[in-house]
Protein backbone atom coordinates (compact mmCIF):
# COMPACT_ATOMS: atom_id res chain seq x y z
CA UNK A 1 -41.22 4.21 -7.46
CA UNK A 2 -41.55 1.11 -9.62
CA UNK A 3 -38.44 -1.08 -9.51
CA UNK A 4 -36.75 -2.11 -12.75
CA UNK A 5 -37.16 -5.71 -11.58
CA UNK A 6 -40.75 -5.34 -10.24
CA UNK A 7 -42.52 -7.61 -12.77
CA UNK A 8 -42.40 -10.67 -10.52
CA UNK A 9 -43.81 -8.94 -7.44
CA UNK A 10 -47.34 -7.97 -6.35
CA UNK A 11 -46.39 -5.89 -3.32
CA UNK A 12 -44.14 -2.86 -3.12
CA UNK A 13 -40.84 -3.23 -1.32
CA UNK A 14 -40.93 -2.29 2.36
CA UNK A 15 -39.41 1.10 3.11
CA UNK A 16 -37.37 -0.58 5.83
CA UNK A 17 -35.98 -3.03 3.28
CA UNK A 18 -35.15 -0.19 0.89
CA UNK A 19 -33.28 1.61 3.63
CA UNK A 20 -31.46 -1.53 4.74
CA UNK A 21 -30.46 -2.77 1.30
CA UNK A 22 -29.47 0.48 -0.44
CA UNK A 23 -25.84 1.04 -1.40
CA UNK A 24 -26.25 4.26 -3.39
CA UNK A 25 -25.02 6.20 -0.34
CA UNK A 26 -21.54 4.82 -0.95
CA UNK A 27 -21.35 3.12 -4.35
CA UNK A 28 -22.29 6.33 -6.19
CA UNK A 29 -18.53 6.93 -6.47
CA UNK A 30 -18.48 4.16 -9.10
CA UNK A 31 -20.61 6.22 -11.50
CA UNK A 32 -17.88 6.94 -14.06
CA UNK A 33 -16.94 3.27 -14.23
CA UNK A 34 -20.54 2.12 -14.54
CA UNK A 35 -21.07 4.57 -17.40
CA UNK A 36 -17.79 3.63 -19.06
CA UNK A 37 -18.77 -0.05 -18.92
CA UNK A 38 -22.29 0.64 -20.17
CA UNK A 39 -21.01 2.61 -23.17
CA UNK A 40 -18.71 -0.25 -24.17
CA UNK A 41 -21.58 -2.71 -23.69
CA UNK A 42 -23.92 -0.64 -25.88
CA UNK A 43 -21.31 -0.43 -28.63
CA UNK A 44 -20.88 -4.19 -28.54
CA UNK A 45 -24.64 -4.85 -28.66
CA UNK A 46 -24.97 -2.65 -31.75
CA UNK A 47 -21.88 -4.14 -33.39
CA UNK A 48 -23.37 -7.62 -32.94
CA UNK A 49 -26.77 -6.57 -34.29
CA UNK A 50 -28.48 -7.23 -30.95
CA UNK A 51 -29.68 -3.62 -30.79
CA UNK A 52 -29.75 -1.03 -33.55
CA UNK A 53 -26.99 1.50 -34.07
CA UNK A 54 -29.54 4.26 -33.54
CA UNK A 55 -30.49 2.80 -30.17
CA UNK A 56 -26.82 2.57 -29.22
CA UNK A 57 -26.30 6.21 -30.17
CA UNK A 58 -29.28 7.25 -28.01
CA UNK A 59 -27.98 5.18 -25.12
CA UNK A 60 -24.48 6.64 -25.35
CA UNK A 61 -25.82 10.17 -25.66
CA UNK A 62 -28.01 9.67 -22.58
CA UNK A 63 -25.18 8.14 -20.57
CA UNK A 64 -22.88 11.05 -21.39
CA UNK A 65 -25.57 13.49 -20.24
CA UNK A 66 -25.96 11.57 -16.98
CA UNK A 67 -22.16 11.63 -16.50
CA UNK A 68 -22.13 15.41 -16.83
CA UNK A 69 -25.08 15.78 -14.46
CA UNK A 70 -23.37 13.68 -11.77
CA UNK A 71 -20.07 15.51 -12.31
CA UNK A 72 -21.82 18.86 -11.91
CA UNK A 73 -23.78 17.77 -8.84
CA UNK A 74 -27.14 18.03 -10.62
CA UNK A 75 -28.08 14.35 -10.59
CA UNK A 76 -30.73 13.19 -8.11
CA UNK A 77 -29.73 9.90 -6.51
CA UNK A 78 -32.72 7.85 -5.37
CA UNK A 79 -32.35 5.51 -2.42
CA UNK A 80 -35.29 3.37 -3.54
CA UNK A 81 -33.33 2.45 -6.68
CA UNK A 82 -30.78 0.72 -4.45
CA UNK A 83 -27.46 1.31 -6.17
CA UNK A 84 -25.57 3.39 -8.71
CA UNK A 85 -26.26 0.93 -11.51
CA UNK A 86 -30.06 1.09 -11.23
CA UNK A 87 -30.00 4.85 -10.62
CA UNK A 88 -28.14 5.39 -13.87
CA UNK A 89 -30.23 2.89 -15.84
CA UNK A 90 -33.50 4.40 -14.57
CA UNK A 91 -32.34 7.90 -15.51
CA UNK A 92 -31.25 6.62 -18.92
CA UNK A 93 -34.70 5.12 -19.61
CA UNK A 94 -36.26 8.49 -18.75
CA UNK A 95 -33.93 10.20 -21.24
CA UNK A 96 -33.75 7.62 -24.04
CA UNK A 97 -37.05 5.80 -23.66
CA UNK A 98 -37.24 2.36 -25.25
CA UNK A 99 -33.63 2.56 -26.41
CA UNK A 100 -32.55 2.94 -22.77
CA UNK A 101 -34.56 -0.15 -21.86
CA UNK A 102 -32.38 -2.19 -24.23
CA UNK A 103 -29.07 -1.45 -22.50
CA UNK A 104 -29.35 -4.21 -19.90
CA UNK A 105 -29.60 -6.86 -22.62
CA UNK A 106 -27.06 -9.68 -22.07
CA UNK A 107 -25.81 -8.45 -18.71
CA UNK A 108 -26.79 -8.60 -15.05
CA UNK A 109 -26.03 -6.38 -12.09
CA UNK A 110 -23.92 -9.32 -10.93
CA UNK A 111 -21.35 -8.91 -13.70
CA UNK A 112 -21.98 -5.16 -13.96
CA UNK A 113 -20.95 -4.41 -10.37
CA UNK A 114 -17.85 -6.61 -10.63
CA UNK A 115 -16.85 -4.70 -13.76
CA UNK A 116 -17.25 -1.30 -12.07
CA UNK A 117 -15.21 -2.38 -9.05
CA UNK A 118 -12.44 -3.76 -11.26
CA UNK A 119 -12.30 -0.57 -13.33
CA UNK A 120 -12.21 1.49 -10.11
CA UNK A 121 -9.34 -0.54 -8.65
CA UNK A 122 -7.39 -0.46 -11.91
CA UNK A 123 -7.47 3.33 -11.86
CA UNK A 124 -6.74 3.68 -8.15
CA UNK A 125 -3.88 1.18 -8.07
CA UNK A 126 -2.12 3.03 -10.86
CA UNK A 127 -2.16 6.16 -8.68
CA UNK A 128 -1.02 4.20 -5.61
CA UNK A 129 1.85 2.64 -7.57
CA UNK A 130 2.97 6.08 -8.73
CA UNK A 131 2.96 7.37 -5.15
CA UNK A 132 4.93 4.35 -3.97
CA UNK A 133 7.46 4.93 -6.72
CA UNK A 134 7.83 8.56 -5.61
CA UNK A 135 8.29 7.41 -2.03
CA UNK A 136 10.97 4.90 -3.02
CA UNK A 137 12.85 7.46 -5.08
CA UNK A 138 12.67 9.96 -2.21
CA UNK A 139 14.16 7.43 0.21
CA UNK A 140 16.94 6.65 -2.28
CA UNK A 141 17.67 10.37 -2.61
CA UNK A 142 17.71 10.81 1.19
CA UNK A 143 20.05 7.83 1.47
CA UNK A 144 22.44 9.32 -1.07
CA UNK A 145 22.50 12.64 0.83
CA UNK A 146 23.34 10.93 4.11
CA UNK A 147 26.04 8.46 3.09
CA UNK A 148 28.41 9.97 5.66
CA UNK A 149 26.02 9.69 8.63
CA UNK A 150 26.56 6.87 11.11
CA UNK A 151 23.78 5.81 13.47
CA UNK A 152 23.16 3.00 15.93
CA UNK A 153 21.41 -0.08 14.63
CA UNK A 154 19.02 -1.86 16.98
CA UNK A 155 17.82 -5.35 17.71
CA UNK A 156 15.29 -5.98 20.50
CA UNK A 157 15.26 -2.16 20.78
CA UNK A 158 18.77 -2.38 22.26
CA UNK A 159 21.76 -0.78 20.56
CA UNK A 160 23.40 -3.41 18.43
CA UNK A 161 25.93 -2.35 15.77
CA UNK A 162 26.76 0.94 14.04
CA UNK A 163 25.50 1.36 10.51
CA UNK A 164 24.90 4.06 7.94
CA UNK A 165 21.70 6.09 8.20
CA UNK A 166 21.49 5.50 4.45
CA UNK A 167 21.40 1.76 5.03
CA UNK A 168 18.51 2.18 7.47
CA UNK A 169 16.56 4.38 5.06
CA UNK A 170 17.13 1.93 2.21
CA UNK A 171 15.61 -0.85 4.32
CA UNK A 172 12.32 1.08 4.12
CA UNK A 173 12.88 1.83 0.44
CA UNK A 174 12.98 -1.91 -0.22
CA UNK A 175 9.88 -2.52 1.91
CA UNK A 176 7.86 0.05 0.01
CA UNK A 177 9.18 -1.16 -3.32
CA UNK A 178 7.92 -4.66 -2.50
CA UNK A 179 4.56 -3.01 -1.81
CA UNK A 180 4.71 -1.30 -5.22
CA UNK A 181 5.44 -4.58 -6.96
CA UNK A 182 2.69 -6.37 -5.02
CA UNK A 183 0.11 -3.81 -6.15
CA UNK A 184 1.39 -4.06 -9.73
CA UNK A 185 1.12 -7.83 -9.58
CA UNK A 186 -2.41 -7.61 -8.14
CA UNK A 187 -3.39 -5.68 -11.27
CA UNK A 188 -2.94 -8.89 -13.26
CA UNK A 189 -5.84 -10.50 -11.37
CA UNK A 190 -7.94 -7.33 -11.50
CA UNK A 191 -7.37 -6.92 -15.24
CA UNK A 192 -10.02 -9.52 -16.19
CA UNK A 193 -13.33 -8.57 -17.84
CA UNK A 194 -16.37 -10.11 -16.08
CA UNK A 195 -19.06 -8.40 -18.20
CA UNK A 196 -21.08 -10.81 -20.33
CA UNK A 197 -21.15 -13.49 -17.64
CA UNK A 198 -24.65 -12.18 -16.85
CA UNK A 199 -26.27 -13.55 -13.68
CA UNK A 200 -24.16 -16.72 -13.58
CA UNK A 201 -24.59 -18.78 -16.76
CA UNK A 202 -23.72 -16.46 -19.63
CA UNK A 203 -26.22 -15.65 -22.37
CA UNK A 204 -27.73 -17.21 -25.48
CA UNK A 205 -27.33 -13.92 -27.35
CA UNK A 206 -24.35 -13.55 -29.74
CA UNK A 207 -22.26 -11.15 -27.67
CA UNK A 208 -18.56 -10.43 -28.20
CA UNK A 209 -16.90 -10.18 -24.81
CA UNK A 210 -13.41 -9.80 -26.27
CA UNK A 211 -14.52 -6.67 -28.10
CA UNK A 212 -15.81 -5.21 -24.82
CA UNK A 213 -12.49 -6.09 -23.18
CA UNK A 214 -10.66 -4.25 -25.94
CA UNK A 215 -12.91 -1.19 -25.55
CA UNK A 216 -12.32 -1.06 -21.79
CA UNK A 217 -8.61 -1.86 -21.82
CA UNK A 218 -8.78 -5.30 -20.23
CA UNK A 219 -6.05 -7.77 -21.17
CA UNK A 220 -8.10 -10.83 -20.22
CA UNK A 221 -11.68 -12.10 -20.31
CA UNK A 222 -13.01 -14.34 -17.53
CA UNK A 223 -13.24 -18.02 -18.44
CA UNK A 224 -16.05 -19.17 -16.15
CA UNK A 225 -19.26 -17.19 -15.79
CA UNK A 226 -20.05 -18.54 -12.30
CA UNK A 227 -16.59 -17.73 -10.99
CA UNK A 228 -16.72 -14.39 -12.74
CA UNK A 229 -19.74 -13.02 -10.86
CA UNK A 230 -18.85 -14.58 -7.48
CA UNK A 231 -15.14 -13.71 -7.49
CA UNK A 232 -13.90 -11.07 -5.08
CA UNK A 233 -10.39 -12.47 -4.79
CA UNK A 234 -9.12 -9.42 -6.64
CA UNK A 235 -10.59 -7.12 -3.96
CA UNK A 236 -9.26 -9.30 -1.14
CA UNK A 237 -5.84 -9.25 -2.77
CA UNK A 238 -5.93 -5.47 -3.04
CA UNK A 239 -6.83 -5.20 0.66
CA UNK A 240 -4.06 -7.65 1.50
CA UNK A 241 -1.51 -5.55 -0.40
CA UNK A 242 -2.82 -2.47 1.41
CA UNK A 243 -2.57 -4.16 4.81
CA UNK A 244 1.06 -5.15 4.21
CA UNK A 245 1.83 -1.63 2.99
CA UNK A 246 0.26 -0.12 6.12
CA UNK A 247 2.26 -2.51 8.29
CA UNK A 248 5.40 -1.00 6.74
CA UNK A 249 4.04 2.51 7.23
CA UNK A 250 3.29 1.72 10.88
CA UNK A 251 6.81 0.41 11.47
CA UNK A 252 8.31 3.58 10.01
CA UNK A 253 5.83 5.74 11.93
CA UNK A 254 6.83 4.02 15.16
CA UNK A 255 10.48 4.83 14.55
CA UNK A 256 9.70 8.44 13.62
CA UNK A 257 7.73 8.79 16.86
CA UNK A 258 10.60 7.36 18.92
CA UNK A 259 13.31 9.25 17.04
CA UNK A 260 11.51 12.59 17.51
CA UNK A 261 11.30 12.14 21.29
CA UNK A 262 13.69 13.93 23.66
CA UNK A 263 15.06 10.55 24.70
CA UNK A 264 16.28 9.79 21.17
CA UNK A 265 16.48 13.25 19.57
CA UNK A 266 17.51 11.71 16.24
CA UNK A 267 15.13 13.80 14.11
CA UNK A 268 13.04 16.94 14.16
CA UNK A 269 9.68 16.67 12.46
CA UNK A 270 8.33 19.73 10.57
CA UNK A 271 6.01 22.02 12.53
CA UNK A 272 3.41 21.73 9.77
CA UNK A 273 3.09 17.98 10.42
CA UNK A 274 3.04 18.05 14.22
CA UNK A 275 0.48 19.35 16.71
CA UNK A 276 0.46 20.96 20.14
CA UNK A 277 -1.09 20.06 23.46
CA UNK A 278 -4.29 21.64 24.76
CA UNK A 279 -2.68 22.05 28.18
CA UNK A 280 1.11 21.76 27.84
CA UNK A 281 2.49 24.65 25.77
CA UNK A 282 5.92 23.08 25.26
CA UNK A 283 4.66 20.01 23.40
CA UNK A 284 5.26 19.12 19.74
CA UNK A 285 3.37 15.90 19.22
CA UNK A 286 3.96 13.51 16.29
CA UNK A 287 0.20 13.10 15.79
CA UNK A 288 0.38 12.46 12.04
CA UNK A 289 2.77 9.54 12.51
CA UNK A 290 0.63 8.27 15.38
CA UNK A 291 -2.48 8.35 13.19
CA UNK A 292 -0.64 6.47 10.46
CA UNK A 293 0.16 3.83 13.05
CA UNK A 294 -3.45 3.86 14.25
CA UNK A 295 -5.05 3.68 10.80
CA UNK A 296 -3.12 0.48 10.12
CA UNK A 297 -5.57 -1.38 12.35
CA UNK A 298 -8.43 0.05 10.33
CA UNK A 299 -6.98 -1.35 7.09
CA UNK A 300 -6.42 -4.73 8.74
CA UNK A 301 -10.09 -4.62 9.73
CA UNK A 302 -11.15 -3.98 6.13
CA UNK A 303 -9.23 -7.05 4.97
CA UNK A 304 -10.71 -9.26 7.69
CA UNK A 305 -14.18 -7.86 6.94
CA UNK A 306 -14.12 -8.93 3.29
CA UNK A 307 -12.49 -12.28 4.03
CA UNK A 308 -15.25 -12.96 6.56
CA UNK A 309 -17.98 -11.92 4.12
CA UNK A 310 -16.67 -14.28 1.44
CA UNK A 311 -15.72 -17.31 3.52
CA UNK A 312 -19.13 -19.03 3.59
CA UNK A 313 -20.75 -18.00 0.31
CA UNK A 314 -22.00 -20.69 -2.06
CA UNK A 315 -21.73 -20.10 -5.81
CA UNK A 316 -22.65 -17.87 -7.45
CA UNK A 317 -23.60 -14.27 -6.52
CA UNK A 318 -25.03 -13.50 -3.06
CA UNK A 319 -26.21 -10.13 -1.77
CA UNK A 320 -23.64 -10.34 1.04
CA UNK A 321 -21.16 -9.25 -1.62
CA UNK A 322 -22.67 -5.77 -1.63
CA UNK A 323 -20.59 -5.32 1.54
CA UNK A 324 -17.36 -5.56 -0.49
CA UNK A 325 -17.29 -1.91 -1.51
CA UNK A 326 -17.04 0.03 1.72
CA UNK A 327 -13.87 -1.77 2.89
CA UNK A 328 -12.31 -1.19 -0.54
CA UNK A 329 -13.35 2.47 -0.76
CA UNK A 330 -12.24 3.18 2.80
CA UNK A 331 -8.87 1.56 2.16
CA UNK A 332 -8.24 3.59 -0.98
CA UNK A 333 -9.23 6.85 0.71
CA UNK A 334 -6.96 6.01 3.65
CA UNK A 335 -3.76 4.84 1.98
CA UNK A 336 -3.52 7.57 -0.67
CA UNK A 337 -3.45 10.47 1.84
CA UNK A 338 -1.15 8.37 4.03
CA UNK A 339 1.31 8.10 1.16
CA UNK A 340 1.13 11.80 0.38
CA UNK A 341 1.67 12.75 4.03
CA UNK A 342 4.54 10.30 4.48
CA UNK A 343 6.30 11.77 1.45
CA UNK A 344 5.71 15.28 2.83
CA UNK A 345 6.98 14.32 6.27
CA UNK A 346 10.16 12.62 5.05
CA UNK A 347 10.90 15.47 2.65
CA UNK A 348 10.86 18.06 5.43
CA UNK A 349 12.20 16.38 8.57
CA UNK A 350 15.76 17.05 9.75
CA UNK A 351 18.32 14.58 11.12
CA UNK A 352 20.42 15.36 14.18
CA UNK A 353 23.60 13.92 12.69
CA UNK A 354 25.81 14.55 15.73
CA UNK A 355 23.36 12.85 18.07
CA UNK A 356 23.14 9.86 15.72
CA UNK A 357 26.92 9.50 15.57
CA UNK A 358 27.43 9.97 19.31
CA UNK A 359 24.81 7.33 20.08
CA UNK A 360 26.35 4.92 17.59
CA UNK A 361 29.70 5.16 19.39
CA UNK A 362 28.37 4.04 22.76
CA UNK A 363 27.24 0.78 24.35
CA UNK A 364 30.12 -1.35 23.01
CA UNK A 365 28.42 -1.50 19.61
CA UNK A 366 31.62 -2.72 17.87
CA UNK A 367 32.05 -5.76 20.12
CA UNK A 368 31.16 -8.06 17.22
CA UNK A 369 34.08 -6.52 15.31
CA UNK A 370 36.44 -7.70 18.08
CA UNK A 371 35.04 -11.23 17.74
CA UNK A 372 35.49 -11.13 13.96
CA UNK A 373 39.02 -9.73 14.47
CA UNK A 374 39.83 -12.81 16.57
CA UNK A 375 38.29 -15.08 13.92
CA UNK A 376 40.70 -13.61 11.37
CA UNK A 377 43.48 -14.49 13.82
CA UNK A 378 42.39 -18.13 13.73
CA UNK A 379 40.20 -18.25 16.84
CA UNK A 380 36.97 -20.29 16.45
CA UNK A 381 33.94 -17.99 16.45
CA UNK A 382 32.33 -19.43 19.58
CA UNK A 383 35.62 -18.99 21.48
CA UNK A 384 36.01 -15.48 20.05
CA UNK A 385 32.43 -14.70 21.13
CA UNK A 386 33.18 -15.80 24.71
CA UNK A 387 36.45 -13.83 24.86
CA UNK A 388 34.72 -10.70 23.58
CA UNK A 389 31.93 -11.13 26.11
CA UNK A 390 34.50 -11.15 28.91
CA UNK A 391 36.15 -8.04 27.46
CA UNK A 392 32.81 -6.21 27.37
CA UNK A 393 32.04 -7.25 30.94
CA UNK A 394 35.44 -5.92 32.06
CA UNK A 395 34.84 -2.60 30.29
CA UNK A 396 31.35 -2.33 31.75
CA UNK A 397 32.49 -3.04 35.30
CA UNK A 398 35.34 -0.54 35.00
CA UNK A 399 33.24 2.03 33.12
CA UNK A 400 35.65 2.16 30.20
CA UNK A 401 35.18 2.34 26.45
CA UNK A 402 36.66 -0.14 23.97
CA UNK A 403 39.29 2.41 22.95
CA UNK A 404 40.25 3.31 26.53
CA UNK A 405 42.41 0.33 27.50
CA UNK A 406 45.92 -0.66 26.51
CA UNK A 407 47.02 -3.52 24.30
CA UNK A 408 48.40 -5.30 27.36
CA UNK A 409 44.94 -5.24 28.93
CA UNK A 410 43.46 -6.65 25.72
CA UNK A 411 46.15 -9.35 25.68
CA UNK A 412 45.10 -10.46 29.15
CA UNK A 413 42.01 -11.82 27.45
CA UNK A 414 43.77 -13.35 24.39
CA UNK A 415 47.36 -13.43 23.20
CA UNK A 416 46.00 -13.21 19.64
CA UNK A 417 45.26 -9.52 20.14
CA UNK A 418 47.90 -7.07 18.85
CA UNK A 419 48.30 -3.34 18.32
CA UNK A 420 46.11 -3.50 15.21
CA UNK A 421 43.02 -4.06 17.38
CA UNK A 422 42.39 -0.29 17.36
CA UNK A 423 41.85 -0.43 13.57
CA UNK A 424 38.67 -2.43 14.15
CA UNK A 425 36.87 -1.00 17.17
CA UNK A 426 35.81 2.46 15.95
CA UNK A 427 32.30 2.99 14.58
CA UNK A 428 33.63 4.33 11.27
CA UNK A 429 36.00 1.38 10.89
CA UNK A 430 33.18 -0.99 11.79
CA UNK A 431 30.86 0.45 9.15
CA UNK A 432 33.56 0.54 6.46
CA UNK A 433 34.40 -3.11 7.13
CA UNK A 434 30.86 -4.39 6.40
CA UNK A 435 31.56 -5.06 2.73
CA UNK A 436 29.50 -8.23 2.38
CA UNK A 437 26.87 -7.94 -0.34
CA UNK A 438 23.93 -6.08 1.17
CA UNK A 439 26.08 -4.80 4.05
CA UNK A 440 26.26 -1.29 5.48
CA UNK A 441 29.63 -0.10 4.13
CA UNK A 442 29.45 3.07 2.00
CA UNK A 443 30.63 1.06 -0.99
CA UNK A 444 27.82 -1.49 -0.59
CA UNK A 445 25.15 1.12 0.12
CA UNK A 446 26.12 3.17 -2.95
CA UNK A 447 25.73 0.03 -5.06
CA UNK A 448 22.42 -0.73 -3.37
CA UNK A 449 21.05 2.73 -4.16
CA UNK A 450 22.19 2.45 -7.78
CA UNK A 451 20.56 -0.95 -8.28
CA UNK A 452 17.40 0.21 -6.53
CA UNK A 453 17.01 3.15 -8.89
CA UNK A 454 17.65 0.95 -11.90
CA UNK A 455 14.97 -1.46 -10.66
CA UNK A 456 12.45 1.37 -10.39
CA UNK A 457 12.59 1.95 -14.15
CA UNK A 458 11.66 5.39 -15.40
CA UNK A 459 11.43 8.04 -12.75
CA UNK A 460 8.02 8.78 -11.29
CA UNK A 461 6.32 12.14 -11.72
CA UNK A 462 5.91 14.53 -8.77
């Protein structure tokens, strides 16, 4: 088949080259965005008198027919035509004849492909942001339902201090909300029209790029034609946002895996989102959470892949940049199901509230409260820390709990300790006392949930 760019060449392209350089096998998913951009371009060319209105009408009619054919699965994609853009243009020329041959006036595949990728990411990020908003609102709702549940907090994977389960859940709500805002902010860099930059230098024809931007819903038009066709920062930024999001997913998945184990027994995951063993009939494996953790590495790889592709490219466009799409497509088709499954999993898992509370009460988790009690009595913190350490050692050696010994025993460590010490060493008292802004007391967590919901704006749709 004759290439649309074949005029310069005497020989036909090697079949090996065609196979090696094609991208239609994966970039065909950009068809709707290519057609949307081409329709806006045709309208602009007619409006500026560069092509006739009749030609524009024929072009738009042909493009709409092609759209329906692809949608219905009737369109024949041809590998020898390399990519989605040339497949559509070739089909258009067959349908619209000479009028179709005029469409590529004042544009290049260099700016055309950037446009399609930007339109694709604009649409996908809006869906991702909505899912992240739903996830944040779900976590806020779960937090509100569990304001009375105390659990152990951990540092270094060792029991540290008691806190509200709600406080723990809200930590993830804030993580995912930062992800939401990062994606929303990335849209500002994506929302720039590259079309009309042509190959790298612009065009001598009297085009109106701002009109095209208006037709396609772009708020900005690129300022430099060379930067416009060689820029993939917007795709790198998207992948970076996705990698940070998946890091947060992986951290939550790790905790869900641990918490669902017999050793922790903090939660029970729904049967529908766990799997069994091929040999051990008693097993309920948290495979979905494990795959979320595993797919995080895949998204990291996509980010590194595109960064590596771009790091040595001179201006302007280079064919290496064809490799930008698969990492982007794979990331989108990974993080959207991940979000949906995470929402499903959190919505249906059950907390073992008694186990959480019992675990929070052990391992001297309110020792810091004793130190702060002594500070309120005028003891310097470092001295209070040392005294409390000796108290904990004594309890540990004698296998006693903080509430098991008498005031006289406490006083043997410091004469500052009085009968009121017992008002500070229970897990409930410890949690209620953490009233510093951002702390884990019910009062602070209620305020946190309220402010979080207010910051989310209008509620997301299911």
